[in-house]
Protein backbone atom coordinates (compact mmCIF):
# COMPACT_ATOMS: atom_id res chain seq x y z
CA UNK A 1 0.00 0.00 0.00
CA UNK A 2 1.32 3.50 -0.73
CA UNK A 3 2.48 5.77 2.07
CA UNK A 4 0.33 8.66 0.78
CA UNK A 5 -3.38 8.64 0.03
CA UNK A 6 -3.24 10.70 -3.15
CA UNK A 7 -5.92 9.02 -5.31
CA UNK A 8 -4.18 10.07 -8.52
CA UNK A 9 -1.12 8.03 -7.57
CA UNK A 10 -2.94 4.93 -6.25
CA UNK A 11 -3.20 1.80 -8.32
CA UNK A 12 -6.32 -0.34 -8.49
CA UNK A 13 -4.61 -2.89 -6.20
CA UNK A 14 -3.83 -0.10 -3.71
CA UNK A 15 -7.49 0.95 -3.68
CA UNK A 16 -8.67 -2.64 -3.18
CA UNK A 17 -6.20 -3.09 -0.33
CA UNK A 18 -7.37 0.17 1.26
CA UNK A 19 -11.03 -0.88 1.00
CA UNK A 20 -10.22 -4.29 2.50
CA UNK A 21 -8.33 -2.62 5.34
CA UNK A 22 -11.27 -0.29 6.00
CA UNK A 23 -13.65 -3.26 6.05
CA UNK A 24 -11.53 -4.97 8.70
CA UNK A 25 -11.37 -1.78 10.76
CA UNK A 26 -15.13 -1.32 10.45
CA UNK A 27 -15.80 -4.87 11.64
CA UNK A 28 -13.50 -4.33 14.63
CA UNK A 29 -15.24 -1.04 15.43
CA UNK A 30 -18.63 -2.78 15.29
CA UNK A 31 -17.39 -5.52 17.61
CA UNK A 32 -16.06 -2.95 20.07
CA UNK A 33 -19.32 -0.99 19.98
CA UNK A 34 -21.31 -4.15 20.77
CA UNK A 35 -18.97 -4.93 23.65
CA UNK A 36 -19.33 -1.35 24.94
CA UNK A 37 -23.13 -1.62 24.73
CA UNK A 38 -23.04 -4.91 26.65
CA UNK A 39 -20.83 -3.37 29.34
CA UNK A 40 -23.05 -0.28 29.62
CA UNK A 41 -26.17 -2.43 30.12
CA UNK A 42 -24.39 -4.45 32.81
CA UNK A 43 -23.23 -1.26 34.53
CA UNK A 44 -26.76 0.15 34.44
CA UNK A 45 -28.07 -3.07 36.00
CA UNK A 46 -25.43 -2.94 38.74
CA UNK A 47 -26.05 0.75 39.46
CA UNK A 48 -29.80 0.13 39.65
CA UNK A 49 -29.24 -2.61 42.19
CA UNK A 50 -26.90 -0.41 44.19
CA UNK A 51 -29.43 2.42 44.14
CA UNK A 52 -32.14 0.08 45.41
CA UNK A 53 -29.89 -1.16 48.21
CA UNK A 54 -28.92 2.40 49.16
CA UNK A 55 -32.58 3.44 49.20
CA UNK A 56 -33.46 0.50 51.43
CA UNK A 57 -30.58 1.38 53.77
CA UNK A 58 -31.77 5.01 54.02
CA UNK A 59 -35.34 3.88 54.69
CA UNK A 60 -34.15 1.53 57.42
CA UNK A 61 -32.19 4.36 59.05
CA UNK A 62 -34.78 7.14 58.68
CA UNK A 63 -38.00 5.32 59.53
CA UNK A 64 -37.31 4.77 63.25
CA UNK A 65 -36.02 8.31 63.63
CA UNK A 66 -39.12 9.81 61.99
CA UNK A 67 -41.40 7.78 64.23
CA UNK A 68 -39.47 8.99 67.31
CA UNK A 69 -39.61 12.60 66.09
CA UNK A 70 -43.39 12.48 65.61
CA UNK A 71 -43.88 10.81 68.97
CA UNK A 72 -41.63 13.40 70.64
CA UNK A 73 -43.95 16.10 69.26
CA UNK A 74 -46.96 14.34 70.78
CA UNK A 75 -48.14 12.81 67.50
CA UNK A 76 -48.96 9.16 68.10
CA UNK A 77 -47.90 6.80 65.32
CA UNK A 78 -50.01 3.66 65.07
CA UNK A 79 -48.85 2.29 61.75
CA UNK A 80 -45.90 2.67 59.39
CA UNK A 81 -46.44 1.67 55.79
CA UNK A 82 -43.66 1.49 53.23
CA UNK A 83 -43.91 1.63 49.51
CA UNK A 84 -41.38 -0.72 47.99
CA UNK A 85 -40.04 -1.68 44.61
CA UNK A 86 -42.56 -4.52 44.17
CA UNK A 87 -46.11 -4.26 42.93
CA UNK A 88 -47.81 -1.33 41.26
CA UNK A 89 -47.58 2.32 42.16
CA UNK A 90 -49.96 4.75 43.72
CA UNK A 91 -49.89 4.23 47.46
CA UNK A 92 -50.63 0.51 47.49
CA UNK A 93 -47.14 -0.48 48.46
CA UNK A 94 -45.99 -0.13 44.86
CA UNK A 95 -43.07 1.50 43.14
CA UNK A 96 -42.05 5.02 43.89
CA UNK A 97 -40.46 4.89 47.31
CA UNK A 98 -41.62 6.93 50.26
CA UNK A 99 -44.26 5.77 52.68
CA UNK A 100 -46.77 6.92 55.21
CA UNK A 101 -47.11 7.13 58.94
CA UNK A 102 -50.67 6.70 60.15
CA UNK A 103 -51.49 8.46 63.39
CA UNK A 104 -54.61 9.30 65.32
CA UNK A 105 -55.39 12.37 63.22
CA UNK A 106 -54.91 10.71 59.83
CA UNK A 107 -52.00 10.02 57.58
CA UNK A 108 -48.79 11.97 57.61
CA UNK A 109 -46.73 11.46 54.46
CA UNK A 110 -43.02 10.95 54.92
CA UNK A 111 -40.34 10.49 52.27
CA UNK A 112 -40.48 10.88 48.54
CA UNK A 113 -43.70 9.88 46.88
CA UNK A 114 -43.79 8.29 43.48
C-alpha atoms as a PDB file:
ATOM      1  CA  UNK A   1       0.000   0.000   0.000  1.00  0.00           C
ATOM      2  CA  UNK A   2       1.318   3.499  -0.730  1.00  0.00           C
ATOM      3  CA  UNK A   3       2.476   5.774   2.073  1.00  0.00           C
ATOM      4  CA  UNK A   4       0.334   8.658   0.779  1.00  0.00           C
ATOM      5  CA  UNK A   5      -3.382   8.644   0.030  1.00  0.00           C
ATOM      6  CA  UNK A   6      -3.242  10.705  -3.146  1.00  0.00           C
ATOM      7  CA  UNK A   7      -5.922   9.023  -5.307  1.00  0.00           C
ATOM      8  CA  UNK A   8      -4.182  10.068  -8.519  1.00  0.00           C
ATOM      9  CA  UNK A   9      -1.116   8.033  -7.569  1.00  0.00           C
ATOM     10  CA  UNK A  10      -2.937   4.935  -6.250  1.00  0.00           C
ATOM     11  CA  UNK A  11      -3.200   1.797  -8.323  1.00  0.00           C
ATOM     12  CA  UNK A  12      -6.323  -0.345  -8.494  1.00  0.00           C
ATOM     13  CA  UNK A  13      -4.615  -2.890  -6.196  1.00  0.00           C
ATOM     14  CA  UNK A  14      -3.830  -0.101  -3.705  1.00  0.00           C
ATOM     15  CA  UNK A  15      -7.490   0.950  -3.683  1.00  0.00           C
ATOM     16  CA  UNK A  16      -8.673  -2.642  -3.178  1.00  0.00           C
ATOM     17  CA  UNK A  17      -6.201  -3.087  -0.326  1.00  0.00           C
ATOM     18  CA  UNK A  18      -7.372   0.170   1.260  1.00  0.00           C
ATOM     19  CA  UNK A  19     -11.033  -0.882   1.003  1.00  0.00           C
ATOM     20  CA  UNK A  20     -10.217  -4.294   2.504  1.00  0.00           C
ATOM     21  CA  UNK A  21      -8.332  -2.619   5.342  1.00  0.00           C
ATOM     22  CA  UNK A  22     -11.273  -0.288   6.003  1.00  0.00           C
ATOM     23  CA  UNK A  23     -13.654  -3.256   6.050  1.00  0.00           C
ATOM     24  CA  UNK A  24     -11.528  -4.968   8.705  1.00  0.00           C
ATOM     25  CA  UNK A  25     -11.370  -1.776  10.762  1.00  0.00           C
ATOM     26  CA  UNK A  26     -15.132  -1.319  10.446  1.00  0.00           C
ATOM     27  CA  UNK A  27     -15.805  -4.869  11.641  1.00  0.00           C
ATOM     28  CA  UNK A  28     -13.499  -4.327  14.630  1.00  0.00           C
ATOM     29  CA  UNK A  29     -15.237  -1.044  15.430  1.00  0.00           C
ATOM     30  CA  UNK A  30     -18.634  -2.780  15.294  1.00  0.00           C
ATOM     31  CA  UNK A  31     -17.393  -5.516  17.613  1.00  0.00           C
ATOM     32  CA  UNK A  32     -16.062  -2.950  20.072  1.00  0.00           C
ATOM     33  CA  UNK A  33     -19.319  -0.988  19.975  1.00  0.00           C
ATOM     34  CA  UNK A  34     -21.311  -4.145  20.767  1.00  0.00           C
ATOM     35  CA  UNK A  35     -18.968  -4.928  23.653  1.00  0.00           C
ATOM     36  CA  UNK A  36     -19.330  -1.351  24.941  1.00  0.00           C
ATOM     37  CA  UNK A  37     -23.131  -1.619  24.730  1.00  0.00           C
ATOM     38  CA  UNK A  38     -23.040  -4.906  26.652  1.00  0.00           C
ATOM     39  CA  UNK A  39     -20.833  -3.366  29.344  1.00  0.00           C
ATOM     40  CA  UNK A  40     -23.054  -0.277  29.621  1.00  0.00           C
ATOM     41  CA  UNK A  41     -26.169  -2.427  30.123  1.00  0.00           C
ATOM     42  CA  UNK A  42     -24.391  -4.452  32.808  1.00  0.00           C
ATOM     43  CA  UNK A  43     -23.227  -1.260  34.526  1.00  0.00           C
ATOM     44  CA  UNK A  44     -26.762   0.151  34.436  1.00  0.00           C
ATOM     45  CA  UNK A  45     -28.073  -3.070  35.998  1.00  0.00           C
ATOM     46  CA  UNK A  46     -25.434  -2.938  38.735  1.00  0.00           C
ATOM     47  CA  UNK A  47     -26.053   0.752  39.464  1.00  0.00           C
ATOM     48  CA  UNK A  48     -29.795   0.125  39.651  1.00  0.00           C
ATOM     49  CA  UNK A  49     -29.239  -2.613  42.193  1.00  0.00           C
ATOM     50  CA  UNK A  50     -26.899  -0.410  44.189  1.00  0.00           C
ATOM     51  CA  UNK A  51     -29.433   2.425  44.138  1.00  0.00           C
ATOM     52  CA  UNK A  52     -32.143   0.079  45.406  1.00  0.00           C
ATOM     53  CA  UNK A  53     -29.890  -1.158  48.211  1.00  0.00           C
ATOM     54  CA  UNK A  54     -28.924   2.397  49.158  1.00  0.00           C
ATOM     55  CA  UNK A  55     -32.577   3.439  49.199  1.00  0.00           C
ATOM     56  CA  UNK A  56     -33.460   0.503  51.426  1.00  0.00           C
ATOM     57  CA  UNK A  57     -30.585   1.385  53.771  1.00  0.00           C
ATOM     58  CA  UNK A  58     -31.774   5.006  54.024  1.00  0.00           C
ATOM     59  CA  UNK A  59     -35.343   3.884  54.693  1.00  0.00           C
ATOM     60  CA  UNK A  60     -34.146   1.534  57.421  1.00  0.00           C
ATOM     61  CA  UNK A  61     -32.191   4.364  59.050  1.00  0.00           C
ATOM     62  CA  UNK A  62     -34.782   7.143  58.677  1.00  0.00           C
ATOM     63  CA  UNK A  63     -38.000   5.317  59.526  1.00  0.00           C
ATOM     64  CA  UNK A  64     -37.312   4.767  63.251  1.00  0.00           C
ATOM     65  CA  UNK A  65     -36.019   8.313  63.629  1.00  0.00           C
ATOM     66  CA  UNK A  66     -39.116   9.808  61.987  1.00  0.00           C
ATOM     67  CA  UNK A  67     -41.398   7.782  64.229  1.00  0.00           C
ATOM     68  CA  UNK A  68     -39.469   8.990  67.308  1.00  0.00           C
ATOM     69  CA  UNK A  69     -39.615  12.603  66.088  1.00  0.00           C
ATOM     70  CA  UNK A  70     -43.387  12.484  65.607  1.00  0.00           C
ATOM     71  CA  UNK A  71     -43.876  10.812  68.967  1.00  0.00           C
ATOM     72  CA  UNK A  72     -41.631  13.396  70.639  1.00  0.00           C
ATOM     73  CA  UNK A  73     -43.947  16.096  69.258  1.00  0.00           C
ATOM     74  CA  UNK A  74     -46.955  14.335  70.777  1.00  0.00           C
ATOM     75  CA  UNK A  75     -48.139  12.810  67.503  1.00  0.00           C
ATOM     76  CA  UNK A  76     -48.963   9.161  68.100  1.00  0.00           C
ATOM     77  CA  UNK A  77     -47.900   6.797  65.324  1.00  0.00           C
ATOM     78  CA  UNK A  78     -50.013   3.664  65.070  1.00  0.00           C
ATOM     79  CA  UNK A  79     -48.853   2.286  61.746  1.00  0.00           C
ATOM     80  CA  UNK A  80     -45.896   2.673  59.389  1.00  0.00           C
ATOM     81  CA  UNK A  81     -46.439   1.671  55.792  1.00  0.00           C
ATOM     82  CA  UNK A  82     -43.663   1.487  53.235  1.00  0.00           C
ATOM     83  CA  UNK A  83     -43.910   1.630  49.512  1.00  0.00           C
ATOM     84  CA  UNK A  84     -41.379  -0.719  47.991  1.00  0.00           C
ATOM     85  CA  UNK A  85     -40.043  -1.683  44.612  1.00  0.00           C
ATOM     86  CA  UNK A  86     -42.555  -4.516  44.170  1.00  0.00           C
ATOM     87  CA  UNK A  87     -46.106  -4.258  42.934  1.00  0.00           C
ATOM     88  CA  UNK A  88     -47.813  -1.333  41.256  1.00  0.00           C
ATOM     89  CA  UNK A  89     -47.584   2.319  42.161  1.00  0.00           C
ATOM     90  CA  UNK A  90     -49.957   4.751  43.720  1.00  0.00           C
ATOM     91  CA  UNK A  91     -49.894   4.232  47.461  1.00  0.00           C
ATOM     92  CA  UNK A  92     -50.631   0.510  47.488  1.00  0.00           C
ATOM     93  CA  UNK A  93     -47.137  -0.485  48.457  1.00  0.00           C
ATOM     94  CA  UNK A  94     -45.988  -0.130  44.861  1.00  0.00           C
ATOM     95  CA  UNK A  95     -43.075   1.500  43.143  1.00  0.00           C
ATOM     96  CA  UNK A  96     -42.046   5.021  43.893  1.00  0.00           C
ATOM     97  CA  UNK A  97     -40.459   4.885  47.311  1.00  0.00           C
ATOM     98  CA  UNK A  98     -41.622   6.926  50.257  1.00  0.00           C
ATOM     99  CA  UNK A  99     -44.257   5.765  52.680  1.00  0.00           C
ATOM    100  CA  UNK A 100     -46.772   6.924  55.205  1.00  0.00           C
ATOM    101  CA  UNK A 101     -47.113   7.134  58.944  1.00  0.00           C
ATOM    102  CA  UNK A 102     -50.671   6.704  60.153  1.00  0.00           C
ATOM    103  CA  UNK A 103     -51.488   8.461  63.385  1.00  0.00           C
ATOM    104  CA  UNK A 104     -54.607   9.301  65.321  1.00  0.00           C
ATOM    105  CA  UNK A 105     -55.390  12.367  63.219  1.00  0.00           C
ATOM    106  CA  UNK A 106     -54.907  10.713  59.833  1.00  0.00           C
ATOM    107  CA  UNK A 107     -51.997  10.021  57.575  1.00  0.00           C
ATOM    108  CA  UNK A 108     -48.790  11.970  57.609  1.00  0.00           C
ATOM    109  CA  UNK A 109     -46.726  11.458  54.462  1.00  0.00           C
ATOM    110  CA  UNK A 110     -43.018  10.952  54.916  1.00  0.00           C
ATOM    111  CA  UNK A 111     -40.340  10.490  52.271  1.00  0.00           C
ATOM    112  CA  UNK A 112     -40.484  10.880  48.541  1.00  0.00           C
ATOM    113  CA  UNK A 113     -43.695   9.883  46.876  1.00  0.00           C
ATOM    114  CA  UNK A 114     -43.785   8.292  43.476  1.00  0.00           C
END
